Amino acid sequence: MADTATTASVAAASAANASSDAPPFQLGKPRFQQTSFYGRFRHFLDIIDPRTLFVTERRLREAVQLLEDYKHGTLRPGVTNEQLWSAQKIKQAILHPDTNEKIFMPFRMSGYIPFGTPIVVGLLLPNQTLASTVFWQWLNQSHNACVNYANRNATKPSPVSKFIQGYLGAVISAVSIAVGLNVLVQKANKFTPATRLLIQRFVPFPAVGRLSCRHAPGCSSLCKASCAWQPSAWPCHWPSASSHRCQRDHVSSPRSQWNLPQ
């Protein structure tokens, strides 16, 4: 019955889509081909598109209703593939796929760049004091942990204590690495002042990079980077067309290899 309804929706939209450049709409599937890096790249650009941050409540309701109409075969005539893809993009950017609740704006994937960029700038500020180093490392790890928690796999509830432990471990490790390297560089008498300043500019990178996969349990940066660059790791749906969470369960390598929750 559901297949018949979906077929009816496709037929209702086919005439309006005859001259459209958008691919045929598939509910819950990525818009772009995932067999090439370029397709995955465009898929990720869609996910982090900051324009979805400005979608109104009314527009969100319309997008959700449009997808429901498509699902139940009651799609009105004249709806194009482009409209359906846009509706799915809006829904996935704002609503958690498991709880169907709105994700707090700074912690959405579409908000990662606008809300994360100021933190990156703060990490790279020159002539930082001990207090400023600790503050920016703490803020960075806190933001990443909140993003991971907000986009977590809610179908498998985890105790809050597990997230807190991961968060505290990430903050302590990042601050320790950053402060320790700064102290070592300052005590390195063999370096000229210019060289010392240059090296200090790069101190945030090992602190952030080392902890990229040690935030509160969730998708790690290692997983994201591998999924984007290594075709052999696919099919991987992080974030999938219907979910913001990693779904590497079906990949041959164990999840522990990717520092992801079991």
C-alpha atoms as a PDB file:
ATOM      1  CA  MET A   1       0.000   0.000   0.000  1.00  0.00           C
ATOM      2  CA  ALA A   2       2.825   2.356   0.915  1.00  0.00           C
ATOM      3  CA  ASP A   3       4.610   1.506  -2.348  1.00  0.00           C
ATOM      4  CA  THR A   4       1.449   2.307  -4.301  1.00  0.00           C
ATOM      5  CA  ALA A   5       1.080   5.653  -2.547  1.00  0.00           C
ATOM      6  CA  THR A   6       4.695   6.570  -3.248  1.00  0.00           C
ATOM      7  CA  THR A   7       4.307   5.580  -6.898  1.00  0.00           C
ATOM      8  CA  ALA A   8       1.256   7.822  -7.151  1.00  0.00           C
ATOM      9  CA  SER A   9       3.237  10.740  -5.702  1.00  0.00           C
ATOM     10  CA  VAL A  10       6.026  10.192  -8.206  1.00  0.00           C
ATOM     11  CA  ALA A  11       3.538  10.101 -11.078  1.00  0.00           C
ATOM     12  CA  ALA A  12       1.855  13.297  -9.876  1.00  0.00           C
ATOM     13  CA  ALA A  13       5.155  15.141  -9.889  1.00  0.00           C
ATOM     14  CA  SER A  14       6.658  13.669 -13.060  1.00  0.00           C
ATOM     15  CA  ALA A  15       5.108  16.152 -15.501  1.00  0.00           C
ATOM     16  CA  ALA A  16       6.308  19.178 -13.574  1.00  0.00           C
ATOM     17  CA  ASN A  17       9.801  17.694 -13.385  1.00  0.00           C
ATOM     18  CA  ALA A  18      10.232  17.056 -17.089  1.00  0.00           C
ATOM     19  CA  SER A  19      12.457  20.090 -17.628  1.00  0.00           C
ATOM     20  CA  SER A  20      14.031  20.200 -14.145  1.00  0.00           C
ATOM     21  CA  ASP A  21      17.750  19.655 -13.573  1.00  0.00           C
ATOM     22  CA  ALA A  22      17.115  18.112 -10.160  1.00  0.00           C
ATOM     23  CA  PRO A  23      17.384  14.301 -10.025  1.00  0.00           C
ATOM     24  CA  PRO A  24      14.233  12.275  -9.316  1.00  0.00           C
ATOM     25  CA  PHE A  25      13.325  12.643  -5.664  1.00  0.00           C
ATOM     26  CA  GLN A  26      13.885   9.688  -3.335  1.00  0.00           C
ATOM     27  CA  LEU A  27      12.597  10.003   0.199  1.00  0.00           C
ATOM     28  CA  GLY A  28      15.353   9.491   2.749  1.00  0.00           C
ATOM     29  CA  LYS A  29      18.097   9.236   0.115  1.00  0.00           C
ATOM     30  CA  PRO A  30      20.962  11.653  -0.677  1.00  0.00           C
ATOM     31  CA  ARG A  31      20.334  14.034  -3.543  1.00  0.00           C
ATOM     32  CA  PHE A  32      23.830  13.609  -4.968  1.00  0.00           C
ATOM     33  CA  GLN A  33      25.567  10.425  -6.029  1.00  0.00           C
ATOM     34  CA  GLN A  34      27.670   9.015  -3.184  1.00  0.00           C
ATOM     35  CA  THR A  35      29.983   6.930  -5.362  1.00  0.00           C
ATOM     36  CA  SER A  36      32.357   9.830  -6.102  1.00  0.00           C
ATOM     37  CA  PHE A  37      34.166  12.400  -4.004  1.00  0.00           C
ATOM     38  CA  TYR A  38      32.433  15.255  -5.824  1.00  0.00           C
ATOM     39  CA  GLY A  39      29.010  13.802  -5.057  1.00  0.00           C
ATOM     40  CA  ARG A  40      29.876  13.375  -1.390  1.00  0.00           C
ATOM     41  CA  PHE A  41      31.369  16.869  -1.347  1.00  0.00           C
ATOM     42  CA  ARG A  42      28.128  18.386  -2.630  1.00  0.00           C
ATOM     43  CA  HIS A  43      26.196  16.269  -0.132  1.00  0.00           C
ATOM     44  CA  PHE A  44      28.238  17.714   2.729  1.00  0.00           C
ATOM     45  CA  LEU A  45      27.834  21.246   1.388  1.00  0.00           C
ATOM     46  CA  ASP A  46      24.082  20.727   1.577  1.00  0.00           C
ATOM     47  CA  ILE A  47      24.343  19.521   5.165  1.00  0.00           C
ATOM     48  CA  ILE A  48      26.389  22.505   6.398  1.00  0.00           C
ATOM     49  CA  ASP A  49      24.484  25.102   4.361  1.00  0.00           C
ATOM     50  CA  PRO A  50      24.019  27.990   6.866  1.00  0.00           C
ATOM     51  CA  ARG A  51      20.993  29.319   4.977  1.00  0.00           C
ATOM     52  CA  THR A  52      18.858  26.705   6.689  1.00  0.00           C
ATOM     53  CA  LEU A  53      19.462  28.555   9.959  1.00  0.00           C
ATOM     54  CA  PHE A  54      17.112  31.277   8.746  1.00  0.00           C
ATOM     55  CA  VAL A  55      14.198  28.992   7.854  1.00  0.00           C
ATOM     56  CA  THR A  56      10.997  30.167   9.554  1.00  0.00           C
ATOM     57  CA  GLU A  57       8.725  27.955  11.617  1.00  0.00           C
ATOM     58  CA  ARG A  58       6.063  28.217   8.932  1.00  0.00           C
ATOM     59  CA  ARG A  59       8.475  27.138   6.199  1.00  0.00           C
ATOM     60  CA  LEU A  60       9.587  24.182   8.329  1.00  0.00           C
ATOM     61  CA  ARG A  61       5.994  23.039   8.821  1.00  0.00           C
ATOM     62  CA  GLU A  62       5.370  23.333   5.089  1.00  0.00           C
ATOM     63  CA  ALA A  63       8.471  21.250   4.328  1.00  0.00           C
ATOM     64  CA  VAL A  64       7.472  18.535   6.789  1.00  0.00           C
ATOM     65  CA  GLN A  65       3.921  18.453   5.427  1.00  0.00           C
ATOM     66  CA  LEU A  66       5.163  18.243   1.839  1.00  0.00           C
ATOM     67  CA  LEU A  67       7.260  15.189   2.689  1.00  0.00           C
ATOM     68  CA  GLU A  68       4.332  13.613   4.529  1.00  0.00           C
ATOM     69  CA  ASP A  69       2.106  14.168   1.487  1.00  0.00           C
ATOM     70  CA  TYR A  70       4.720  12.525  -0.720  1.00  0.00           C
ATOM     71  CA  LYS A  71       5.044   9.596   1.670  1.00  0.00           C
ATOM     72  CA  HIS A  72       1.297   8.962   1.770  1.00  0.00           C
ATOM     73  CA  GLY A  73       0.680   9.527  -1.936  1.00  0.00           C
ATOM     74  CA  THR A  74      -1.356  12.707  -1.509  1.00  0.00           C
ATOM     75  CA  LEU A  75       1.105  15.071  -3.163  1.00  0.00           C
ATOM     76  CA  ARG A  76      -0.621  17.926  -4.952  1.00  0.00           C
ATOM     77  CA  PRO A  77      -0.053  18.236  -8.727  1.00  0.00           C
ATOM     78  CA  GLY A  78       2.739  20.516  -9.893  1.00  0.00           C
ATOM     79  CA  VAL A  79       5.232  19.849  -7.067  1.00  0.00           C
ATOM     80  CA  THR A  80       8.742  19.565  -8.511  1.00  0.00           C
ATOM     81  CA  ASN A  81      11.698  17.426  -7.554  1.00  0.00           C
ATOM     82  CA  GLU A  82      13.537  20.599  -6.567  1.00  0.00           C
ATOM     83  CA  GLN A  83      10.813  21.473  -4.064  1.00  0.00           C
ATOM     84  CA  LEU A  84      10.904  17.994  -2.586  1.00  0.00           C
ATOM     85  CA  TRP A  85      14.702  17.978  -2.261  1.00  0.00           C
ATOM     86  CA  SER A  86      14.558  21.425  -0.667  1.00  0.00           C
ATOM     87  CA  ALA A  87      11.905  20.282   1.803  1.00  0.00           C
ATOM     88  CA  GLN A  88      13.955  17.255   2.784  1.00  0.00           C
ATOM     89  CA  LYS A  89      17.077  19.412   3.200  1.00  0.00           C
ATOM     90  CA  ILE A  90      15.221  21.784   5.528  1.00  0.00           C
ATOM     91  CA  LYS A  91      13.758  19.017   7.646  1.00  0.00           C
ATOM     92  CA  GLN A  92      17.065  17.192   8.025  1.00  0.00           C
ATOM     93  CA  ALA A  93      18.927  20.392   8.892  1.00  0.00           C
ATOM     94  CA  ILE A  94      16.582  21.388  11.713  1.00  0.00           C
ATOM     95  CA  LEU A  95      14.880  18.292  13.164  1.00  0.00           C
ATOM     96  CA  HIS A  96      16.633  15.403  14.873  1.00  0.00           C
ATOM     97  CA  PRO A  97      15.866  12.231  12.881  1.00  0.00           C
ATOM     98  CA  ASP A  98      15.194  10.094  15.978  1.00  0.00           C
ATOM     99  CA  THR A  99      13.367  12.468  18.327  1.00  0.00           C
ATOM    100  CA  ASN A 100      11.865  14.709  15.621  1.00  0.00           C
ATOM    101  CA  GLU A 101      12.680  17.663  17.872  1.00  0.00           C
ATOM    102  CA  LYS A 102      14.357  20.878  16.764  1.00  0.00           C
ATOM    103  CA  ILE A 103      18.108  20.936  17.298  1.00  0.00           C
ATOM    104  CA  PHE A 104      19.389  24.053  19.059  1.00  0.00           C
ATOM    105  CA  MET A 105      20.699  26.362  16.338  1.00  0.00           C
ATOM    106  CA  PRO A 106      24.414  26.589  17.391  1.00  0.00           C
ATOM    107  CA  PHE A 107      24.605  22.792  17.518  1.00  0.00           C
ATOM    108  CA  ARG A 108      23.132  22.016  14.114  1.00  0.00           C
ATOM    109  CA  MET A 109      25.503  20.859  11.393  1.00  0.00           C
ATOM    110  CA  SER A 110      24.427  23.902   9.354  1.00  0.00           C
ATOM    111  CA  GLY A 111      25.560  26.106  12.245  1.00  0.00           C
ATOM    112  CA  TYR A 112      28.983  24.526  12.621  1.00  0.00           C
ATOM    113  CA  ILE A 113      30.766  27.066  10.416  1.00  0.00           C
ATOM    114  CA  PRO A 114      29.108  30.336  11.537  1.00  0.00           C
ATOM    115  CA  PHE A 115      29.271  29.384  15.217  1.00  0.00           C
ATOM    116  CA  GLY A 116      32.598  27.545  15.038  1.00  0.00           C
ATOM    117  CA  THR A 117      34.593  30.109  13.054  1.00  0.00           C
ATOM    118  CA  PRO A 118      34.841  32.669  15.908  1.00  0.00           C
ATOM    119  CA  ILE A 119      36.219  29.891  18.123  1.00  0.00           C
ATOM    120  CA  VAL A 120      38.871  28.999  15.534  1.00  0.00           C
ATOM    121  CA  VAL A 121      39.872  32.661  15.308  1.00  0.00           C
ATOM    122  CA  GLY A 122      40.148  32.782  19.104  1.00  0.00           C
ATOM    123  CA  LEU A 123      42.368  29.687  19.127  1.00  0.00           C
ATOM    124  CA  LEU A 124      44.763  31.346  16.667  1.00  0.00           C
ATOM    125  CA  LEU A 125      45.012  34.728  18.380  1.00  0.00           C
ATOM    126  CA  PRO A 126      48.667  35.733  18.927  1.00  0.00           C
ATOM    127  CA  ASN A 127      50.340  36.418  22.295  1.00  0.00           C
ATOM    128  CA  GLN A 128      47.782  34.507  24.308  1.00  0.00           C
ATOM    129  CA  THR A 129      47.953  34.342  28.065  1.00  0.00           C
ATOM    130  CA  LEU A 130      47.475  31.173  30.082  1.00  0.00           C
ATOM    131  CA  ALA A 131      43.895  32.176  30.848  1.00  0.00           C
ATOM    132  CA  SER A 132      43.012  32.881  27.204  1.00  0.00           C
ATOM    133  CA  THR A 133      44.564  29.584  26.069  1.00  0.00           C
ATOM    134  CA  VAL A 134      42.520  27.650  28.602  1.00  0.00           C
ATOM    135  CA  PHE A 135      39.352  29.584  27.731  1.00  0.00           C
ATOM    136  CA  TRP A 136      39.488  29.030  23.961  1.00  0.00           C
ATOM    137  CA  GLN A 137      40.415  25.351  24.279  1.00  0.00           C
ATOM    138  CA  TRP A 138      37.557  24.834  26.735  1.00  0.00           C
ATOM    139  CA  LEU A 139      35.095  26.691  24.495  1.00  0.00           C
ATOM    140  CA  ASN A 140      36.157  24.701  21.438  1.00  0.00           C
ATOM    141  CA  GLN A 141      35.823  21.329  23.144  1.00  0.00           C
ATOM    142  CA  SER A 142      32.505  22.370  24.706  1.00  0.00           C
ATOM    143  CA  HIS A 143      31.080  23.385  21.338  1.00  0.00           C
ATOM    144  CA  ASN A 144      32.207  20.160  19.685  1.00  0.00           C
ATOM    145  CA  ALA A 145      30.802  18.057  22.513  1.00  0.00           C
ATOM    146  CA  CYS A 146      27.442  19.839  22.302  1.00  0.00           C
ATOM    147  CA  VAL A 147      27.309  19.323  18.526  1.00  0.00           C
ATOM    148  CA  ASN A 148      28.035  15.624  18.956  1.00  0.00           C
ATOM    149  CA  TYR A 149      25.443  15.258  21.709  1.00  0.00           C
ATOM    150  CA  ALA A 150      22.752  17.185  19.830  1.00  0.00           C
ATOM    151  CA  ASN A 151      23.264  14.962  16.768  1.00  0.00           C
ATOM    152  CA  ARG A 152      23.708  11.726  18.706  1.00  0.00           C
ATOM    153  CA  ASN A 153      22.074   8.401  17.934  1.00  0.00           C
ATOM    154  CA  ALA A 154      18.978   8.747  20.111  1.00  0.00           C
ATOM    155  CA  THR A 155      17.706   5.250  19.281  1.00  0.00           C
ATOM    156  CA  LYS A 156      20.314   3.805  21.658  1.00  0.00           C
ATOM    157  CA  PRO A 157      20.109   5.841  24.872  1.00  0.00           C
ATOM    158  CA  SER A 158      23.418   6.336  26.674  1.00  0.00           C
ATOM    159  CA  PRO A 159      23.813   7.469  30.286  1.00  0.00           C
ATOM    160  CA  VAL A 160      24.565  11.164  30.662  1.00  0.00           C
ATOM    161  CA  SER A 161      27.578  10.239  32.784  1.00  0.00           C
ATOM    162  CA  LYS A 162      29.205   8.699  29.713  1.00  0.00           C
ATOM    163  CA  PHE A 163      28.945  11.966  27.815  1.00  0.00           C
ATOM    164  CA  ILE A 164      30.204  13.944  30.787  1.00  0.00           C
ATOM    165  CA  GLN A 165      33.241  11.684  31.142  1.00  0.00           C
ATOM    166  CA  GLY A 166      34.071  12.044  27.472  1.00  0.00           C
ATOM    167  CA  TYR A 167      33.614  15.815  27.637  1.00  0.00           C
ATOM    168  CA  LEU A 168      35.814  16.236  30.716  1.00  0.00           C
ATOM    169  CA  GLY A 169      38.480  13.996  29.214  1.00  0.00           C
ATOM    170  CA  ALA A 170      38.520  16.025  26.002  1.00  0.00           C
ATOM    171  CA  VAL A 171      38.715  19.373  27.803  1.00  0.00           C
ATOM    172  CA  ILE A 172      41.452  18.300  30.207  1.00  0.00           C
ATOM    173  CA  SER A 173      43.528  16.696  27.456  1.00  0.00           C
ATOM    174  CA  ALA A 174      43.194  19.642  25.056  1.00  0.00           C
ATOM    175  CA  VAL A 175      44.043  22.227  27.711  1.00  0.00           C
ATOM    176  CA  SER A 176      46.993  20.145  28.944  1.00  0.00           C
ATOM    177  CA  ILE A 177      48.444  19.747  25.453  1.00  0.00           C
ATOM    178  CA  ALA A 178      48.004  23.424  24.548  1.00  0.00           C
ATOM    179  CA  VAL A 179      49.399  24.781  27.813  1.00  0.00           C
ATOM    180  CA  GLY A 180      52.220  22.236  27.902  1.00  0.00           C
ATOM    181  CA  LEU A 181      53.368  23.013  24.368  1.00  0.00           C
ATOM    182  CA  ASN A 182      53.227  26.748  25.031  1.00  0.00           C
ATOM    183  CA  VAL A 183      55.447  26.336  28.090  1.00  0.00           C
ATOM    184  CA  LEU A 184      57.903  24.156  26.190  1.00  0.00           C
ATOM    185  CA  VAL A 185      58.141  26.642  23.333  1.00  0.00           C
ATOM    186  CA  GLN A 186      58.680  29.568  25.691  1.00  0.00           C
ATOM    187  CA  LYS A 187      61.510  27.703  27.443  1.00  0.00           C
ATOM    188  CA  ALA A 188      63.195  26.712  24.174  1.00  0.00           C
ATOM    189  CA  ASN A 189      66.226  29.012  24.203  1.00  0.00           C
ATOM    190  CA  LYS A 190      67.507  27.735  20.864  1.00  0.00           C
ATOM    191  CA  PHE A 191      64.650  29.413  18.996  1.00  0.00           C
ATOM    192  CA  THR A 192      64.715  33.020  17.945  1.00  0.00           C
ATOM    193  CA  PRO A 193      61.777  35.175  19.105  1.00  0.00           C
ATOM    194  CA  ALA A 194      60.343  35.116  15.574  1.00  0.00           C
ATOM    195  CA  THR A 195      60.600  31.320  15.338  1.00  0.00           C
ATOM    196  CA  ARG A 196      59.102  30.916  18.806  1.00  0.00           C
ATOM    197  CA  LEU A 197      56.149  33.104  17.855  1.00  0.00           C
ATOM    198  CA  LEU A 198      55.630  31.156  14.633  1.00  0.00           C
ATOM    199  CA  ILE A 199      55.626  27.811  16.449  1.00  0.00           C
ATOM    200  CA  GLN A 200      53.185  29.116  19.046  1.00  0.00           C
ATOM    201  CA  ARG A 201      50.735  29.906  16.256  1.00  0.00           C
ATOM    202  CA  PHE A 202      50.559  26.182  15.483  1.00  0.00           C
ATOM    203  CA  VAL A 203      50.118  25.004  19.085  1.00  0.00           C
ATOM    204  CA  PRO A 204      46.283  24.824  18.828  1.00  0.00           C
ATOM    205  CA  PHE A 205      46.458  22.328  15.952  1.00  0.00           C
ATOM    206  CA  PRO A 206      47.889  19.314  17.828  1.00  0.00           C
ATOM    207  CA  ALA A 207      45.660  20.085  20.810  1.00  0.00           C
ATOM    208  CA  VAL A 208      42.523  20.182  18.651  1.00  0.00           C
ATOM    209  CA  GLY A 209      43.570  17.411  16.254  1.00  0.00           C
ATOM    210  CA  ARG A 210      44.516  14.952  18.977  1.00  0.00           C
ATOM    211  CA  LEU A 211      41.143  15.394  20.635  1.00  0.00           C
ATOM    212  CA  SER A 212      39.015  15.503  17.488  1.00  0.00           C
ATOM    213  CA  CYS A 213      37.735  11.998  18.136  1.00  0.00           C
ATOM    214  CA  ARG A 214      37.616  12.138  21.919  1.00  0.00           C
ATOM    215  CA  HIS A 215      34.609  14.366  22.471  1.00  0.00           C
ATOM    216  CA  ALA A 216      31.440  13.121  24.068  1.00  0.00           C
ATOM    217  CA  PRO A 217      30.436   9.917  22.263  1.00  0.00           C
ATOM    218  CA  GLY A 218      29.257  10.692  18.768  1.00  0.00           C
ATOM    219  CA  CYS A 219      30.674  11.047  15.287  1.00  0.00           C
ATOM    220  CA  SER A 220      34.386  11.772  15.267  1.00  0.00           C
ATOM    221  CA  SER A 221      36.227  14.040  12.884  1.00  0.00           C
ATOM    222  CA  LEU A 222      38.215  10.988  11.799  1.00  0.00           C
ATOM    223  CA  CYS A 223      35.021   9.285  10.674  1.00  0.00           C
ATOM    224  CA  LYS A 224      33.818  12.381   8.812  1.00  0.00           C
ATOM    225  CA  ALA A 225      37.132  12.877   7.029  1.00  0.00           C
ATOM    226  CA  SER A 226      37.441   9.217   6.067  1.00  0.00           C
ATOM    227  CA  CYS A 227      33.890   9.057   4.776  1.00  0.00           C
ATOM    228  CA  ALA A 228      34.495  12.111   2.614  1.00  0.00           C
ATOM    229  CA  TRP A 229      37.861  11.080   1.188  1.00  0.00           C
ATOM    230  CA  GLN A 230      37.909   7.290   1.018  1.00  0.00           C
ATOM    231  CA  PRO A 231      35.477   5.706  -1.428  1.00  0.00           C
ATOM    232  CA  SER A 232      36.414   2.318   0.024  1.00  0.00           C
ATOM    233  CA  ALA A 233      34.734   3.325   3.286  1.00  0.00           C
ATOM    234  CA  TRP A 234      31.400   3.767   1.516  1.00  0.00           C
ATOM    235  CA  PRO A 235      28.520   3.323   1.586  1.00  0.00           C
ATOM    236  CA  CYS A 236      28.680   5.424   4.734  1.00  0.00           C
ATOM    237  CA  HIS A 237      25.824   7.712   5.616  1.00  0.00           C
ATOM    238  CA  TRP A 238      27.403  10.248   7.961  1.00  0.00           C
ATOM    239  CA  PRO A 239      25.337  12.265   8.062  1.00  0.00           C
ATOM    240  CA  SER A 240      22.951  10.171   6.032  1.00  0.00           C
ATOM    241  CA  ALA A 241      20.089  11.563   4.047  1.00  0.00           C
ATOM    242  CA  SER A 242      17.758  10.733   6.904  1.00  0.00           C
ATOM    243  CA  SER A 243      20.088  11.060   9.866  1.00  0.00           C
ATOM    244  CA  HIS A 244      22.783  13.339  11.267  1.00  0.00           C
ATOM    245  CA  ARG A 245      24.385  10.490  13.155  1.00  0.00           C
ATOM    246  CA  CYS A 246      27.019   8.066  11.983  1.00  0.00           C
ATOM    247  CA  GLN A 247      25.770   4.708  10.812  1.00  0.00           C
ATOM    248  CA  ARG A 248      28.983   2.769  10.249  1.00  0.00           C
ATOM    249  CA  ASP A 249      27.486  -0.423  11.719  1.00  0.00           C
ATOM    250  CA  HIS A 250      27.487  -2.049   8.310  1.00  0.00           C
ATOM    251  CA  VAL A 251      31.096  -1.162   7.462  1.00  0.00           C
ATOM    252  CA  SER A 252      33.555  -4.018   7.654  1.00  0.00           C
ATOM    253  CA  SER A 253      35.921  -2.259  10.071  1.00  0.00           C
ATOM    254  CA  PRO A 254      34.867  -2.369  13.738  1.00  0.00           C
ATOM    255  CA  ARG A 255      33.286   0.738  15.234  1.00  0.00           C
ATOM    256  CA  SER A 256      35.951   0.792  17.938  1.00  0.00           C
ATOM    257  CA  GLN A 257      38.469   1.585  15.210  1.00  0.00           C
ATOM    258  CA  TRP A 258      36.574   4.812  14.561  1.00  0.00           C
ATOM    259  CA  ASN A 259      36.161   5.758  18.237  1.00  0.00           C
ATOM    260  CA  LEU A 260      32.385   5.537  17.928  1.00  0.00           C
ATOM    261  CA  PRO A 261      29.921   4.184  20.484  1.00  0.00           C
ATOM    262  CA  GLN A 262      28.993   0.572  20.146  1.00  0.00           C
END
